[in-house]
Amino acid sequence: MYFIQNVPFTFDDLPDYASHDVELIELANNTKTWEVEDLYRLSGYLVAEQCHPMLFELELENPELLPAD
């Protein structure tokens, strides 16, 4: 999941090997489950606030924390 100020806006599918990673499975089992409706509702909020990163250009507070690729 990708978040802005703890508001989820999108996700990436995990690679096949992730389904065998015990630490990742444990982390997922102890984390909130997000439904498609949650993403739709919260994504709509980000659009209304003009803060959805896939639709609006945003200034980043810490761009150095982004992945290089």
PDB file of N, CA and C in Angstrom:
ATOM      1  N   MET A   1       0.845  -1.178   0.000  1.00  0.00           N
ATOM      2  CA  MET A   1       0.000   0.000   0.000  1.00  0.00           C
ATOM      3  C   MET A   1       0.886   1.235   0.000  1.00  0.00           C
ATOM      4  N   TYR A   2       0.397   2.260  -0.641  1.00  0.00           N
ATOM      5  CA  TYR A   2       1.049   3.568  -0.626  1.00  0.00           C
ATOM      6  C   TYR A   2       0.103   4.535   0.080  1.00  0.00           C
ATOM      7  N   PHE A   3       0.677   5.355   0.967  1.00  0.00           N
ATOM      8  CA  PHE A   3      -0.123   6.242   1.795  1.00  0.00           C
ATOM      9  C   PHE A   3       0.364   7.683   1.676  1.00  0.00           C
ATOM     10  N   ILE A   4      -0.551   8.614   1.869  1.00  0.00           N
ATOM     11  CA  ILE A   4      -0.223  10.026   2.068  1.00  0.00           C
ATOM     12  C   ILE A   4      -0.860  10.409   3.388  1.00  0.00           C
ATOM     13  N   GLN A   5      -0.053  10.776   4.352  1.00  0.00           N
ATOM     14  CA  GLN A   5      -0.553  11.133   5.681  1.00  0.00           C
ATOM     15  C   GLN A   5      -1.506  10.053   6.202  1.00  0.00           C
ATOM     16  N   ASN A   6      -1.102   8.798   6.058  1.00  0.00           N
ATOM     17  CA  ASN A   6      -1.857   7.620   6.500  1.00  0.00           C
ATOM     18  C   ASN A   6      -3.141   7.369   5.712  1.00  0.00           C
ATOM     19  N   VAL A   7      -3.317   8.015   4.568  1.00  0.00           N
ATOM     20  CA  VAL A   7      -4.478   7.777   3.700  1.00  0.00           C
ATOM     21  C   VAL A   7      -3.988   6.957   2.509  1.00  0.00           C
ATOM     22  N   PRO A   8      -4.472   5.708   2.356  1.00  0.00           N
ATOM     23  CA  PRO A   8      -4.023   4.888   1.237  1.00  0.00           C
ATOM     24  C   PRO A   8      -4.573   5.412  -0.076  1.00  0.00           C
ATOM     25  N   PHE A   9      -3.759   5.323  -1.152  1.00  0.00           N
ATOM     26  CA  PHE A   9      -4.256   5.778  -2.444  1.00  0.00           C
ATOM     27  C   PHE A   9      -4.036   4.759  -3.552  1.00  0.00           C
ATOM     28  N   THR A  10      -3.137   3.819  -3.370  1.00  0.00           N
ATOM     29  CA  THR A  10      -2.952   2.759  -4.364  1.00  0.00           C
ATOM     30  C   THR A  10      -2.121   1.647  -3.744  1.00  0.00           C
ATOM     31  N   PHE A  11      -1.907   0.597  -4.512  1.00  0.00           N
ATOM     32  CA  PHE A  11      -1.128  -0.543  -4.032  1.00  0.00           C
ATOM     33  C   PHE A  11      -0.420  -1.191  -5.210  1.00  0.00           C
ATOM     34  N   ASP A  12       0.557  -2.004  -4.900  1.00  0.00           N
ATOM     35  CA  ASP A  12       1.233  -2.842  -5.898  1.00  0.00           C
ATOM     36  C   ASP A  12       0.923  -4.293  -5.561  1.00  0.00           C
ATOM     37  N   ASP A  13       0.720  -5.106  -6.584  1.00  0.00           N
ATOM     38  CA  ASP A  13       0.607  -6.544  -6.361  1.00  0.00           C
ATOM     39  C   ASP A  13       1.970  -7.067  -5.940  1.00  0.00           C
ATOM     40  N   LEU A  14       1.964  -8.029  -5.028  1.00  0.00           N
ATOM     41  CA  LEU A  14       3.222  -8.599  -4.563  1.00  0.00           C
ATOM     42  C   LEU A  14       3.722  -9.657  -5.541  1.00  0.00           C
ATOM     43  N   PRO A  15       5.035  -9.791  -5.658  1.00  0.00           N
ATOM     44  CA  PRO A  15       5.585 -10.846  -6.520  1.00  0.00           C
ATOM     45  C   PRO A  15       5.282 -12.224  -5.919  1.00  0.00           C
ATOM     46  N   ASP A  16       5.362 -13.257  -6.723  1.00  0.00           N
ATOM     47  CA  ASP A  16       5.026 -14.619  -6.296  1.00  0.00           C
ATOM     48  C   ASP A  16       5.816 -15.077  -5.075  1.00  0.00           C
ATOM     49  N   TYR A  17       7.096 -14.731  -5.015  1.00  0.00           N
ATOM     50  CA  TYR A  17       7.919 -15.207  -3.902  1.00  0.00           C
ATOM     51  C   TYR A  17       7.432 -14.662  -2.550  1.00  0.00           C
ATOM     52  N   ALA A  18       6.693 -13.555  -2.560  1.00  0.00           N
ATOM     53  CA  ALA A  18       6.232 -12.955  -1.306  1.00  0.00           C
ATOM     54  C   ALA A  18       5.271 -13.872  -0.557  1.00  0.00           C
ATOM     55  N   SER A  19       4.569 -14.745  -1.274  1.00  0.00           N
ATOM     56  CA  SER A  19       3.628 -15.643  -0.601  1.00  0.00           C
ATOM     57  C   SER A  19       4.331 -16.722   0.211  1.00  0.00           C
ATOM     58  N   HIS A  20       5.653 -16.799   0.110  1.00  0.00           N
ATOM     59  CA  HIS A  20       6.437 -17.779   0.869  1.00  0.00           C
ATOM     60  C   HIS A  20       7.339 -17.107   1.902  1.00  0.00           C
ATOM     61  N   ASP A  21       7.291 -15.795   1.989  1.00  0.00           N
ATOM     62  CA  ASP A  21       8.137 -15.050   2.921  1.00  0.00           C
ATOM     63  C   ASP A  21       7.428 -14.984   4.279  1.00  0.00           C
ATOM     64  N   VAL A  22       7.922 -15.745   5.251  1.00  0.00           N
ATOM     65  CA  VAL A  22       7.281 -15.873   6.558  1.00  0.00           C
ATOM     66  C   VAL A  22       7.158 -14.523   7.260  1.00  0.00           C
ATOM     67  N   GLU A  23       8.197 -13.704   7.221  1.00  0.00           N
ATOM     68  CA  GLU A  23       8.145 -12.388   7.877  1.00  0.00           C
ATOM     69  C   GLU A  23       7.097 -11.492   7.232  1.00  0.00           C
ATOM     70  N   LEU A  24       7.026 -11.509   5.923  1.00  0.00           N
ATOM     71  CA  LEU A  24       6.052 -10.690   5.201  1.00  0.00           C
ATOM     72  C   LEU A  24       4.625 -11.155   5.486  1.00  0.00           C
ATOM     73  N   ILE A  25       4.419 -12.451   5.542  1.00  0.00           N
ATOM     74  CA  ILE A  25       3.101 -13.005   5.857  1.00  0.00           C
ATOM     75  C   ILE A  25       2.683 -12.603   7.261  1.00  0.00           C
ATOM     76  N   GLU A  26       3.603 -12.682   8.209  1.00  0.00           N
ATOM     77  CA  GLU A  26       3.305 -12.291   9.593  1.00  0.00           C
ATOM     78  C   GLU A  26       2.956 -10.802   9.672  1.00  0.00           C
ATOM     79  N   LEU A  27       3.715  -9.981   8.969  1.00  0.00           N
ATOM     80  CA  LEU A  27       3.428  -8.547   8.932  1.00  0.00           C
ATOM     81  C   LEU A  27       2.042  -8.291   8.352  1.00  0.00           C
ATOM     82  N   ALA A  28       1.722  -8.953   7.259  1.00  0.00           N
ATOM     83  CA  ALA A  28       0.413  -8.771   6.621  1.00  0.00           C
ATOM     84  C   ALA A  28      -0.721  -9.235   7.528  1.00  0.00           C
ATOM     85  N   ASN A  29      -0.513 -10.313   8.238  1.00  0.00           N
ATOM     86  CA  ASN A  29      -1.556 -10.836   9.125  1.00  0.00           C
ATOM     87  C   ASN A  29      -1.812  -9.928  10.325  1.00  0.00           C
ATOM     88  N   ASN A  30      -0.854  -9.073  10.653  1.00  0.00           N
ATOM     89  CA  ASN A  30      -1.000  -8.184  11.807  1.00  0.00           C
ATOM     90  C   ASN A  30      -1.243  -6.738  11.404  1.00  0.00           C
ATOM     91  N   THR A  31      -1.632  -6.526  10.157  1.00  0.00           N
ATOM     92  CA  THR A  31      -1.864  -5.184   9.627  1.00  0.00           C
ATOM     93  C   THR A  31      -3.313  -5.074   9.178  1.00  0.00           C
ATOM     94  N   LYS A  32      -3.837  -3.855   9.208  1.00  0.00           N
ATOM     95  CA  LYS A  32      -5.219  -3.619   8.787  1.00  0.00           C
ATOM     96  C   LYS A  32      -5.446  -4.142   7.373  1.00  0.00           C
ATOM     97  N   THR A  33      -6.604  -4.731   7.156  1.00  0.00           N
ATOM     98  CA  THR A  33      -6.998  -5.192   5.830  1.00  0.00           C
ATOM     99  C   THR A  33      -7.773  -4.082   5.147  1.00  0.00           C
ATOM    100  N   TRP A  34      -7.375  -3.750   3.927  1.00  0.00           N
ATOM    101  CA  TRP A  34      -8.043  -2.691   3.169  1.00  0.00           C
ATOM    102  C   TRP A  34      -8.928  -3.328   2.104  1.00  0.00           C
ATOM    103  N   GLU A  35     -10.133  -2.853   1.988  1.00  0.00           N
ATOM    104  CA  GLU A  35     -11.069  -3.306   0.967  1.00  0.00           C
ATOM    105  C   GLU A  35     -11.037  -2.334  -0.213  1.00  0.00           C
ATOM    106  N   VAL A  36     -11.487  -2.789  -1.355  1.00  0.00           N
ATOM    107  CA  VAL A  36     -11.528  -1.944  -2.548  1.00  0.00           C
ATOM    108  C   VAL A  36     -12.374  -0.695  -2.281  1.00  0.00           C
ATOM    109  N   GLU A  37     -13.465  -0.849  -1.550  1.00  0.00           N
ATOM    110  CA  GLU A  37     -14.338   0.283  -1.228  1.00  0.00           C
ATOM    111  C   GLU A  37     -13.604   1.332  -0.400  1.00  0.00           C
ATOM    112  N   ASP A  38     -12.721   0.881   0.512  1.00  0.00           N
ATOM    113  CA  ASP A  38     -11.917   1.810   1.319  1.00  0.00           C
ATOM    114  C   ASP A  38     -11.038   2.663   0.409  1.00  0.00           C
ATOM    115  N   LEU A  39     -10.350   2.003  -0.517  1.00  0.00           N
ATOM    116  CA  LEU A  39      -9.469   2.727  -1.436  1.00  0.00           C
ATOM    117  C   LEU A  39     -10.259   3.697  -2.304  1.00  0.00           C
ATOM    118  N   TYR A  40     -11.414   3.273  -2.772  1.00  0.00           N
ATOM    119  CA  TYR A  40     -12.247   4.139  -3.616  1.00  0.00           C
ATOM    120  C   TYR A  40     -12.670   5.390  -2.840  1.00  0.00           C
ATOM    121  N   ARG A  41     -13.157   5.185  -1.627  1.00  0.00           N
ATOM    122  CA  ARG A  41     -13.633   6.304  -0.805  1.00  0.00           C
ATOM    123  C   ARG A  41     -12.486   7.251  -0.446  1.00  0.00           C
ATOM    124  N   LEU A  42     -11.384   6.691   0.020  1.00  0.00           N
ATOM    125  CA  LEU A  42     -10.260   7.521   0.444  1.00  0.00           C
ATOM    126  C   LEU A  42      -9.552   8.171  -0.746  1.00  0.00           C
ATOM    127  N   SER A  43      -9.498   7.473  -1.863  1.00  0.00           N
ATOM    128  CA  SER A  43      -8.916   8.055  -3.069  1.00  0.00           C
ATOM    129  C   SER A  43      -9.769   9.238  -3.526  1.00  0.00           C
ATOM    130  N   GLY A  44     -11.083   9.109  -3.416  1.00  0.00           N
ATOM    131  CA  GLY A  44     -11.989  10.210  -3.744  1.00  0.00           C
ATOM    132  C   GLY A  44     -11.739  11.426  -2.872  1.00  0.00           C
ATOM    133  N   TYR A  45     -11.439  11.171  -1.615  1.00  0.00           N
ATOM    134  CA  TYR A  45     -11.106  12.277  -0.695  1.00  0.00           C
ATOM    135  C   TYR A  45      -9.847  12.991  -1.170  1.00  0.00           C
ATOM    136  N   LEU A  46      -8.825  12.227  -1.549  1.00  0.00           N
ATOM    137  CA  LEU A  46      -7.582  12.837  -2.011  1.00  0.00           C
ATOM    138  C   LEU A  46      -7.789  13.633  -3.298  1.00  0.00           C
ATOM    139  N   VAL A  47      -8.652  13.148  -4.174  1.00  0.00           N
ATOM    140  CA  VAL A  47      -8.964  13.881  -5.402  1.00  0.00           C
ATOM    141  C   VAL A  47      -9.664  15.186  -5.053  1.00  0.00           C
ATOM    142  N   ALA A  48     -10.633  15.121  -4.154  1.00  0.00           N
ATOM    143  CA  ALA A  48     -11.374  16.328  -3.759  1.00  0.00           C
ATOM    144  C   ALA A  48     -10.449  17.377  -3.152  1.00  0.00           C
ATOM    145  N   GLU A  49      -9.417  16.924  -2.445  1.00  0.00           N
ATOM    146  CA  GLU A  49      -8.454  17.832  -1.819  1.00  0.00           C
ATOM    147  C   GLU A  49      -7.298  18.181  -2.758  1.00  0.00           C
ATOM    148  N   GLN A  50      -7.351  17.684  -3.983  1.00  0.00           N
ATOM    149  CA  GLN A  50      -6.296  17.853  -4.981  1.00  0.00           C
ATOM    150  C   GLN A  50      -4.935  17.385  -4.462  1.00  0.00           C
ATOM    151  N   CYS A  51      -4.969  16.236  -3.788  1.00  0.00           N
ATOM    152  CA  CYS A  51      -3.746  15.668  -3.211  1.00  0.00           C
ATOM    153  C   CYS A  51      -3.465  14.252  -3.704  1.00  0.00           C
ATOM    154  N   HIS A  52      -4.184  13.798  -4.717  1.00  0.00           N
ATOM    155  CA  HIS A  52      -3.935  12.449  -5.223  1.00  0.00           C
ATOM    156  C   HIS A  52      -2.705  12.510  -6.128  1.00  0.00           C
ATOM    157  N   PRO A  53      -1.636  11.794  -5.779  1.00  0.00           N
ATOM    158  CA  PRO A  53      -0.373  11.911  -6.523  1.00  0.00           C
ATOM    159  C   PRO A  53      -0.430  11.395  -7.956  1.00  0.00           C
ATOM    160  N   MET A  54      -1.429  10.632  -8.298  1.00  0.00           N
ATOM    161  CA  MET A  54      -1.533  10.144  -9.674  1.00  0.00           C
ATOM    162  C   MET A  54      -2.273  11.136 -10.564  1.00  0.00           C
ATOM    163  N   LEU A  55      -2.869  12.150  -9.965  1.00  0.00           N
ATOM    164  CA  LEU A  55      -3.630  13.138 -10.730  1.00  0.00           C
ATOM    165  C   LEU A  55      -3.089  14.553 -10.593  1.00  0.00           C
ATOM    166  N   PHE A  56      -2.390  14.828  -9.507  1.00  0.00           N
ATOM    167  CA  PHE A  56      -1.904  16.179  -9.235  1.00  0.00           C
ATOM    168  C   PHE A  56      -0.416  16.152  -8.922  1.00  0.00           C
ATOM    169  N   GLU A  57       0.279  17.187  -9.329  1.00  0.00           N
ATOM    170  CA  GLU A  57       1.692  17.314  -9.001  1.00  0.00           C
ATOM    171  C   GLU A  57       1.803  17.863  -7.579  1.00  0.00           C
ATOM    172  N   LEU A  58       2.544  17.173  -6.751  1.00  0.00           N
ATOM    173  CA  LEU A  58       2.655  17.550  -5.345  1.00  0.00           C
ATOM    174  C   LEU A  58       4.095  17.873  -4.988  1.00  0.00           C
ATOM    175  N   GLU A  59       4.271  18.819  -4.088  1.00  0.00           N
ATOM    176  CA  GLU A  59       5.603  19.085  -3.543  1.00  0.00           C
ATOM    177  C   GLU A  59       5.861  18.069  -2.445  1.00  0.00           C
ATOM    178  N   LEU A  60       7.038  17.477  -2.482  1.00  0.00           N
ATOM    179  CA  LEU A  60       7.381  16.460  -1.498  1.00  0.00           C
ATOM    180  C   LEU A  60       8.190  17.058  -0.361  1.00  0.00           C
ATOM    181  N   GLU A  61       7.846  16.639   0.837  1.00  0.00           N
ATOM    182  CA  GLU A  61       8.554  17.125   2.012  1.00  0.00           C
ATOM    183  C   GLU A  61       9.929  16.474   2.131  1.00  0.00           C
ATOM    184  N   ASN A  62      10.018  15.176   1.810  1.00  0.00           N
ATOM    185  CA  ASN A  62      11.274  14.440   1.902  1.00  0.00           C
ATOM    186  C   ASN A  62      11.498  13.606   0.647  1.00  0.00           C
ATOM    187  N   PRO A  63      11.814  14.231  -0.476  1.00  0.00           N
ATOM    188  CA  PRO A  63      11.975  13.459  -1.725  1.00  0.00           C
ATOM    189  C   PRO A  63      13.114  12.455  -1.664  1.00  0.00           C
ATOM    190  N   GLU A  64      14.058  12.654  -0.788  1.00  0.00           N
ATOM    191  CA  GLU A  64      15.183  11.713  -0.675  1.00  0.00           C
ATOM    192  C   GLU A  64      14.743  10.356  -0.152  1.00  0.00           C
ATOM    193  N   LEU A  65      13.544  10.249   0.402  1.00  0.00           N
ATOM    194  CA  LEU A  65      13.049   8.977   0.904  1.00  0.00           C
ATOM    195  C   LEU A  65      12.410   8.109  -0.174  1.00  0.00           C
ATOM    196  N   LEU A  66      12.220   8.679  -1.363  1.00  0.00           N
ATOM    197  CA  LEU A  66      11.629   7.925  -2.465  1.00  0.00           C
ATOM    198  C   LEU A  66      12.637   6.922  -3.022  1.00  0.00           C
ATOM    199  N   PRO A  67      12.143   5.784  -3.539  1.00  0.00           N
ATOM    200  CA  PRO A  67      13.066   4.834  -4.162  1.00  0.00           C
ATOM    201  C   PRO A  67      13.739   5.452  -5.376  1.00  0.00           C
ATOM    202  N   ALA A  68      14.951   5.031  -5.656  1.00  0.00           N
ATOM    203  CA  ALA A  68      15.729   5.599  -6.757  1.00  0.00           C
ATOM    204  C   ALA A  68      15.165   5.240  -8.119  1.00  0.00           C
ATOM    205  N   ASP A  69      14.552   4.074  -8.244  1.00  0.00           N
ATOM    206  CA  ASP A  69      14.049   3.655  -9.561  1.00  0.00           C
ATOM    207  C   ASP A  69      12.634   4.004  -9.663  1.00  0.00           C
TER     208      ASP A  69
END
